[in-house]
């Protein structure tokens, strides 16, 4: 089996890139299902109704203290 040439590798990468782009374009142009949209709206409204003050978060950690040997 021979080692592929740089030109062959580049051609394969270009082909894969074009196919991925076509898949991505097809996926992004699909309609979002109604069930998913309703769920997203419910999550967004629940998030907006939440208490805006977050729970107490721990403060920054204190730097570690170096122990000295009897100094």
PDB file of N, CA and C in Angstrom:
ATOM      1  N   UNK A   1       0.843  -1.176   0.000  1.00  0.00           N
ATOM      2  CA  UNK A   1       0.000   0.000   0.000  1.00  0.00           C
ATOM      3  C   UNK A   1       0.891   1.243   0.000  1.00  0.00           C
ATOM      4  N   UNK A   2       0.584   2.142  -0.896  1.00  0.00           N
ATOM      5  CA  UNK A   2       1.421   3.338  -1.001  1.00  0.00           C
ATOM      6  C   UNK A   2       0.901   4.455  -0.108  1.00  0.00           C
ATOM      7  N   UNK A   3       1.765   5.339   0.253  1.00  0.00           N
ATOM      8  CA  UNK A   3       1.406   6.500   1.056  1.00  0.00           C
ATOM      9  C   UNK A   3       0.693   7.509   0.161  1.00  0.00           C
ATOM     10  N   UNK A   4      -0.461   8.027   0.609  1.00  0.00           N
ATOM     11  CA  UNK A   4      -1.179   8.989  -0.241  1.00  0.00           C
ATOM     12  C   UNK A   4      -0.385  10.289  -0.395  1.00  0.00           C
ATOM     13  N   UNK A   5      -0.518  10.871  -1.563  1.00  0.00           N
ATOM     14  CA  UNK A   5       0.140  12.148  -1.840  1.00  0.00           C
ATOM     15  C   UNK A   5      -0.638  13.280  -1.199  1.00  0.00           C
ATOM     16  N   UNK A   6       0.046  14.368  -0.970  1.00  0.00           N
ATOM     17  CA  UNK A   6      -0.563  15.548  -0.361  1.00  0.00           C
ATOM     18  C   UNK A   6      -1.790  16.012  -1.155  1.00  0.00           C
ATOM     19  N   UNK A   7      -1.693  15.940  -2.479  1.00  0.00           N
ATOM     20  CA  UNK A   7      -2.781  16.356  -3.353  1.00  0.00           C
ATOM     21  C   UNK A   7      -4.016  15.477  -3.127  1.00  0.00           C
ATOM     22  N   UNK A   8      -3.812  14.171  -2.952  1.00  0.00           N
ATOM     23  CA  UNK A   8      -4.924  13.249  -2.705  1.00  0.00           C
ATOM     24  C   UNK A   8      -5.580  13.526  -1.354  1.00  0.00           C
ATOM     25  N   UNK A   9      -4.760  13.782  -0.360  1.00  0.00           N
ATOM     26  CA  UNK A   9      -5.275  14.080   0.980  1.00  0.00           C
ATOM     27  C   UNK A   9      -6.114  15.354   0.938  1.00  0.00           C
ATOM     28  N   UNK A  10      -5.608  16.369   0.267  1.00  0.00           N
ATOM     29  CA  UNK A  10      -6.319  17.640   0.168  1.00  0.00           C
ATOM     30  C   UNK A  10      -7.645  17.469  -0.564  1.00  0.00           C
ATOM     31  N   UNK A  11      -7.655  16.669  -1.622  1.00  0.00           N
ATOM     32  CA  UNK A  11      -8.894  16.438  -2.374  1.00  0.00           C
ATOM     33  C   UNK A  11      -9.927  15.733  -1.492  1.00  0.00           C
ATOM     34  N   UNK A  12      -9.498  14.765  -0.699  1.00  0.00           N
ATOM     35  CA  UNK A  12     -10.417  14.067   0.199  1.00  0.00           C
ATOM     36  C   UNK A  12     -10.976  15.016   1.252  1.00  0.00           C
ATOM     37  N   UNK A  13     -10.103  15.861   1.797  1.00  0.00           N
ATOM     38  CA  UNK A  13     -10.552  16.815   2.807  1.00  0.00           C
ATOM     39  C   UNK A  13     -11.578  17.784   2.220  1.00  0.00           C
ATOM     40  N   UNK A  14     -11.349  18.241   1.012  1.00  0.00           N
ATOM     41  CA  UNK A  14     -12.295  19.146   0.353  1.00  0.00           C
ATOM     42  C   UNK A  14     -13.644  18.468   0.153  1.00  0.00           C
ATOM     43  N   UNK A  15     -13.624  17.203  -0.284  1.00  0.00           N
ATOM     44  CA  UNK A  15     -14.862  16.470  -0.507  1.00  0.00           C
ATOM     45  C   UNK A  15     -15.624  16.283   0.800  1.00  0.00           C
ATOM     46  N   UNK A  16     -14.926  15.904   1.842  1.00  0.00           N
ATOM     47  CA  UNK A  16     -15.561  15.728   3.157  1.00  0.00           C
ATOM     48  C   UNK A  16     -16.141  17.051   3.632  1.00  0.00           C
ATOM     49  N   UNK A  17     -15.393  18.133   3.451  1.00  0.00           N
ATOM     50  CA  UNK A  17     -15.870  19.452   3.854  1.00  0.00           C
ATOM     51  C   UNK A  17     -17.145  19.855   3.124  1.00  0.00           C
ATOM     52  N   UNK A  18     -17.202  19.588   1.823  1.00  0.00           N
ATOM     53  CA  UNK A  18     -18.412  19.915   1.049  1.00  0.00           C
ATOM     54  C   UNK A  18     -19.597  19.092   1.525  1.00  0.00           C
ATOM     55  N   UNK A  19     -19.375  17.802   1.773  1.00  0.00           N
ATOM     56  CA  UNK A  19     -20.470  16.941   2.219  1.00  0.00           C
ATOM     57  C   UNK A  19     -20.966  17.353   3.606  1.00  0.00           C
ATOM     58  N   UNK A  20     -20.038  17.695   4.497  1.00  0.00           N
ATOM     59  CA  UNK A  20     -20.439  18.160   5.826  1.00  0.00           C
ATOM     60  C   UNK A  20     -21.232  19.462   5.735  1.00  0.00           C
ATOM     61  N   UNK A  21     -20.801  20.337   4.857  1.00  0.00           N
ATOM     62  CA  UNK A  21     -21.509  21.614   4.696  1.00  0.00           C
ATOM     63  C   UNK A  21     -22.927  21.379   4.188  1.00  0.00           C
ATOM     64  N   UNK A  22     -23.090  20.454   3.241  1.00  0.00           N
ATOM     65  CA  UNK A  22     -24.424  20.148   2.717  1.00  0.00           C
ATOM     66  C   UNK A  22     -25.302  19.560   3.822  1.00  0.00           C
ATOM     67  N   UNK A  23     -24.744  18.662   4.643  1.00  0.00           N
ATOM     68  CA  UNK A  23     -25.503  18.092   5.754  1.00  0.00           C
ATOM     69  C   UNK A  23     -25.911  19.186   6.734  1.00  0.00           C
ATOM     70  N   UNK A  24     -24.975  20.063   7.067  1.00  0.00           N
ATOM     71  CA  UNK A  24     -25.252  21.142   8.006  1.00  0.00           C
ATOM     72  C   UNK A  24     -26.321  22.076   7.465  1.00  0.00           C
ATOM     73  N   UNK A  25     -26.196  22.452   6.192  1.00  0.00           N
ATOM     74  CA  UNK A  25     -27.183  23.345   5.585  1.00  0.00           C
ATOM     75  C   UNK A  25     -28.565  22.708   5.576  1.00  0.00           C
ATOM     76  N   UNK A  26     -28.632  21.413   5.294  1.00  0.00           N
ATOM     77  CA  UNK A  26     -29.909  20.717   5.300  1.00  0.00           C
ATOM     78  C   UNK A  26     -30.510  20.664   6.688  1.00  0.00           C
ATOM     79  N   UNK A  27     -29.664  20.446   7.678  1.00  0.00           N
ATOM     80  CA  UNK A  27     -30.146  20.353   9.065  1.00  0.00           C
ATOM     81  C   UNK A  27     -30.651  21.706   9.553  1.00  0.00           C
ATOM     82  N   UNK A  28     -29.938  22.764   9.254  1.00  0.00           N
ATOM     83  CA  UNK A  28     -30.321  24.077   9.770  1.00  0.00           C
ATOM     84  C   UNK A  28     -31.540  24.650   9.073  1.00  0.00           C
ATOM     85  N   UNK A  29     -31.887  24.123   7.915  1.00  0.00           N
ATOM     86  CA  UNK A  29     -33.072  24.647   7.223  1.00  0.00           C
ATOM     87  C   UNK A  29     -34.336  23.873   7.589  1.00  0.00           C
ATOM     88  N   UNK A  30     -34.217  22.834   8.420  1.00  0.00           N
ATOM     89  CA  UNK A  30     -35.393  22.069   8.827  1.00  0.00           C
ATOM     90  C   UNK A  30     -36.241  22.873   9.810  1.00  0.00           C
ATOM     91  N   UNK A  31     -37.541  22.605   9.797  1.00  0.00           N
ATOM     92  CA  UNK A  31     -38.454  23.228  10.746  1.00  0.00           C
ATOM     93  C   UNK A  31     -38.231  22.633  12.133  1.00  0.00           C
ATOM     94  N   UNK A  32     -38.367  23.456  13.150  1.00  0.00           N
ATOM     95  CA  UNK A  32     -38.271  22.980  14.524  1.00  0.00           C
ATOM     96  C   UNK A  32     -39.636  22.383  14.892  1.00  0.00           C
ATOM     97  N   UNK A  33     -39.654  21.150  15.411  1.00  0.00           N
ATOM     98  CA  UNK A  33     -40.938  20.536  15.762  1.00  0.00           C
ATOM     99  C   UNK A  33     -41.686  21.368  16.812  1.00  0.00           C
ATOM    100  N   UNK A  34     -43.028  21.352  16.715  1.00  0.00           N
ATOM    101  CA  UNK A  34     -43.863  22.128  17.636  1.00  0.00           C
ATOM    102  C   UNK A  34     -43.623  21.733  19.087  1.00  0.00           C
ATOM    103  N   UNK A  35     -43.461  20.435  19.348  1.00  0.00           N
ATOM    104  CA  UNK A  35     -43.221  19.977  20.730  1.00  0.00           C
ATOM    105  C   UNK A  35     -41.951  20.596  21.303  1.00  0.00           C
ATOM    106  N   UNK A  36     -40.920  20.658  20.479  1.00  0.00           N
ATOM    107  CA  UNK A  36     -39.656  21.228  20.938  1.00  0.00           C
ATOM    108  C   UNK A  36     -39.792  22.726  21.181  1.00  0.00           C
ATOM    109  N   UNK A  37     -40.539  23.412  20.337  1.00  0.00           N
ATOM    110  CA  UNK A  37     -40.751  24.850  20.528  1.00  0.00           C
ATOM    111  C   UNK A  37     -41.531  25.117  21.813  1.00  0.00           C
ATOM    112  N   UNK A  38     -42.567  24.311  22.075  1.00  0.00           N
ATOM    113  CA  UNK A  38     -43.339  24.491  23.318  1.00  0.00           C
ATOM    114  C   UNK A  38     -42.460  24.251  24.537  1.00  0.00           C
ATOM    115  N   UNK A  39     -41.633  23.218  24.472  1.00  0.00           N
ATOM    116  CA  UNK A  39     -40.723  22.935  25.582  1.00  0.00           C
ATOM    117  C   UNK A  39     -39.748  24.091  25.789  1.00  0.00           C
ATOM    118  N   UNK A  40     -39.204  24.632  24.711  1.00  0.00           N
ATOM    119  CA  UNK A  40     -38.276  25.754  24.808  1.00  0.00           C
ATOM    120  C   UNK A  40     -38.959  26.976  25.421  1.00  0.00           C
ATOM    121  N   UNK A  41     -40.209  27.223  25.035  1.00  0.00           N
ATOM    122  CA  UNK A  41     -40.947  28.359  25.591  1.00  0.00           C
ATOM    123  C   UNK A  41     -41.212  28.160  27.086  1.00  0.00           C
ATOM    124  N   UNK A  42     -41.557  26.934  27.482  1.00  0.00           N
ATOM    125  CA  UNK A  42     -41.800  26.653  28.904  1.00  0.00           C
ATOM    126  C   UNK A  42     -40.523  26.828  29.716  1.00  0.00           C
ATOM    127  N   UNK A  43     -39.414  26.347  29.183  1.00  0.00           N
ATOM    128  CA  UNK A  43     -38.139  26.499  29.887  1.00  0.00           C
ATOM    129  C   UNK A  43     -37.750  27.968  30.007  1.00  0.00           C
ATOM    130  N   UNK A  44     -37.958  28.721  28.933  1.00  0.00           N
ATOM    131  CA  UNK A  44     -37.618  30.146  28.962  1.00  0.00           C
ATOM    132  C   UNK A  44     -38.477  30.884  29.975  1.00  0.00           C
ATOM    133  N   UNK A  45     -39.786  30.596  30.003  1.00  0.00           N
ATOM    134  CA  UNK A  45     -40.662  31.297  30.948  1.00  0.00           C
ATOM    135  C   UNK A  45     -40.332  30.894  32.386  1.00  0.00           C
ATOM    136  N   UNK A  46     -39.980  29.632  32.618  1.00  0.00           N
ATOM    137  CA  UNK A  46     -39.590  29.201  33.958  1.00  0.00           C
ATOM    138  C   UNK A  46     -38.301  29.902  34.376  1.00  0.00           C
ATOM    139  N   UNK A  47     -37.391  30.057  33.452  1.00  0.00           N
ATOM    140  CA  UNK A  47     -36.128  30.734  33.744  1.00  0.00           C
ATOM    141  C   UNK A  47     -36.368  32.206  34.072  1.00  0.00           C
ATOM    142  N   UNK A  48     -37.261  32.861  33.354  1.00  0.00           N
ATOM    143  CA  UNK A  48     -37.540  34.276  33.575  1.00  0.00           C
ATOM    144  C   UNK A  48     -38.292  34.525  34.874  1.00  0.00           C
ATOM    145  N   UNK A  49     -39.070  33.571  35.357  1.00  0.00           N
ATOM    146  CA  UNK A  49     -39.838  33.739  36.591  1.00  0.00           C
ATOM    147  C   UNK A  49     -39.031  33.382  37.833  1.00  0.00           C
ATOM    148  N   UNK A  50     -37.881  32.845  37.653  1.00  0.00           N
ATOM    149  CA  UNK A  50     -37.024  32.440  38.750  1.00  0.00           C
ATOM    150  C   UNK A  50     -36.550  33.640  39.547  1.00  0.00           C
ATOM    151  N   UNK A  51     -36.188  33.410  40.821  1.00  0.00           N
ATOM    152  CA  UNK A  51     -35.648  34.470  41.665  1.00  0.00           C
ATOM    153  C   UNK A  51     -34.347  34.971  41.044  1.00  0.00           C
ATOM    154  N   UNK A  52     -34.254  36.264  40.765  1.00  0.00           N
ATOM    155  CA  UNK A  52     -33.059  36.768  40.085  1.00  0.00           C
ATOM    156  C   UNK A  52     -31.791  36.734  40.933  1.00  0.00           C
ATOM    157  N   UNK A  53     -31.936  36.643  42.259  1.00  0.00           N
ATOM    158  CA  UNK A  53     -30.734  36.593  43.086  1.00  0.00           C
ATOM    159  C   UNK A  53     -30.279  35.143  43.207  1.00  0.00           C
ATOM    160  N   UNK A  54     -29.093  34.849  42.744  1.00  0.00           N
ATOM    161  CA  UNK A  54     -28.620  33.470  42.813  1.00  0.00           C
ATOM    162  C   UNK A  54     -28.348  33.053  44.250  1.00  0.00           C
ATOM    163  N   UNK A  55     -28.333  31.763  44.470  1.00  0.00           N
ATOM    164  CA  UNK A  55     -28.014  31.240  45.794  1.00  0.00           C
ATOM    165  C   UNK A  55     -26.587  31.656  46.149  1.00  0.00           C
ATOM    166  N   UNK A  56     -26.336  31.737  47.440  1.00  0.00           N
ATOM    167  CA  UNK A  56     -25.009  32.161  47.884  1.00  0.00           C
ATOM    168  C   UNK A  56     -23.960  31.212  47.322  1.00  0.00           C
ATOM    169  N   UNK A  57     -23.002  31.805  46.659  1.00  0.00           N
ATOM    170  CA  UNK A  57     -21.922  31.016  46.094  1.00  0.00           C
ATOM    171  C   UNK A  57     -20.709  31.150  46.997  1.00  0.00           C
ATOM    172  N   UNK A  58     -19.928  30.114  47.097  1.00  0.00           N
ATOM    173  CA  UNK A  58     -18.725  30.220  47.919  1.00  0.00           C
ATOM    174  C   UNK A  58     -17.785  31.268  47.339  1.00  0.00           C
ATOM    175  N   UNK A  59     -17.134  31.978  48.219  1.00  0.00           N
ATOM    176  CA  UNK A  59     -16.196  33.006  47.790  1.00  0.00           C
ATOM    177  C   UNK A  59     -14.936  32.384  47.228  1.00  0.00           C
ATOM    178  N   UNK A  60     -14.005  33.228  46.836  1.00  0.00           N
ATOM    179  CA  UNK A  60     -12.755  32.697  46.283  1.00  0.00           C
ATOM    180  C   UNK A  60     -11.983  31.925  47.347  1.00  0.00           C
ATOM    181  N   UNK A  61     -11.295  30.928  46.905  1.00  0.00           N
ATOM    182  CA  UNK A  61     -10.521  30.098  47.830  1.00  0.00           C
ATOM    183  C   UNK A  61      -9.355  30.903  48.389  1.00  0.00           C
ATOM    184  N   UNK A  62      -9.048  30.645  49.652  1.00  0.00           N
ATOM    185  CA  UNK A  62      -7.908  31.321  50.262  1.00  0.00           C
ATOM    186  C   UNK A  62      -6.631  30.638  49.808  1.00  0.00           C
ATOM    187  N   UNK A  63      -5.566  31.413  49.663  1.00  0.00           N
ATOM    188  CA  UNK A  63      -4.302  30.795  49.257  1.00  0.00           C
ATOM    189  C   UNK A  63      -3.804  29.836  50.335  1.00  0.00           C
ATOM    190  N   UNK A  64      -3.164  28.797  49.905  1.00  0.00           N
ATOM    191  CA  UNK A  64      -2.640  27.811  50.850  1.00  0.00           C
ATOM    192  C   UNK A  64      -1.529  28.441  51.676  1.00  0.00           C
ATOM    193  N   UNK A  65      -1.499  28.105  52.953  1.00  0.00           N
ATOM    194  CA  UNK A  65      -0.449  28.618  53.832  1.00  0.00           C
ATOM    195  C   UNK A  65       0.722  27.668  53.828  1.00  0.00           C
ATOM    196  N   UNK A  66       1.891  28.241  53.811  1.00  0.00           N
ATOM    197  CA  UNK A  66       3.095  27.419  53.850  1.00  0.00           C
ATOM    198  C   UNK A  66       3.470  27.190  55.297  1.00  0.00           C
ATOM    199  N   UNK A  67       3.685  25.943  55.614  1.00  0.00           N
ATOM    200  CA  UNK A  67       4.136  25.625  56.976  1.00  0.00           C
ATOM    201  C   UNK A  67       5.644  25.736  57.038  1.00  0.00           C
ATOM    202  N   UNK A  68       6.104  26.320  58.122  1.00  0.00           N
ATOM    203  CA  UNK A  68       7.553  26.457  58.305  1.00  0.00           C
ATOM    204  C   UNK A  68       8.003  25.480  59.376  1.00  0.00           C
ATOM    205  N   UNK A  69       9.222  25.043  59.278  1.00  0.00           N
ATOM    206  CA  UNK A  69       9.780  24.089  60.248  1.00  0.00           C
ATOM    207  C   UNK A  69      10.434  24.844  61.396  1.00  0.00           C
ATOM    208  N   UNK A  70       9.634  25.288  62.345  1.00  0.00           N
ATOM    209  CA  UNK A  70      10.134  25.920  63.561  1.00  0.00           C
ATOM    210  C   UNK A  70      10.802  27.250  63.357  1.00  0.00           C
ATOM    211  N   UNK A  71      10.530  27.935  62.318  1.00  0.00           N
ATOM    212  CA  UNK A  71      11.157  29.238  62.117  1.00  0.00           C
ATOM    213  C   UNK A  71      10.312  30.330  62.675  1.00  0.00           C
TER     214      UNK A  71
END
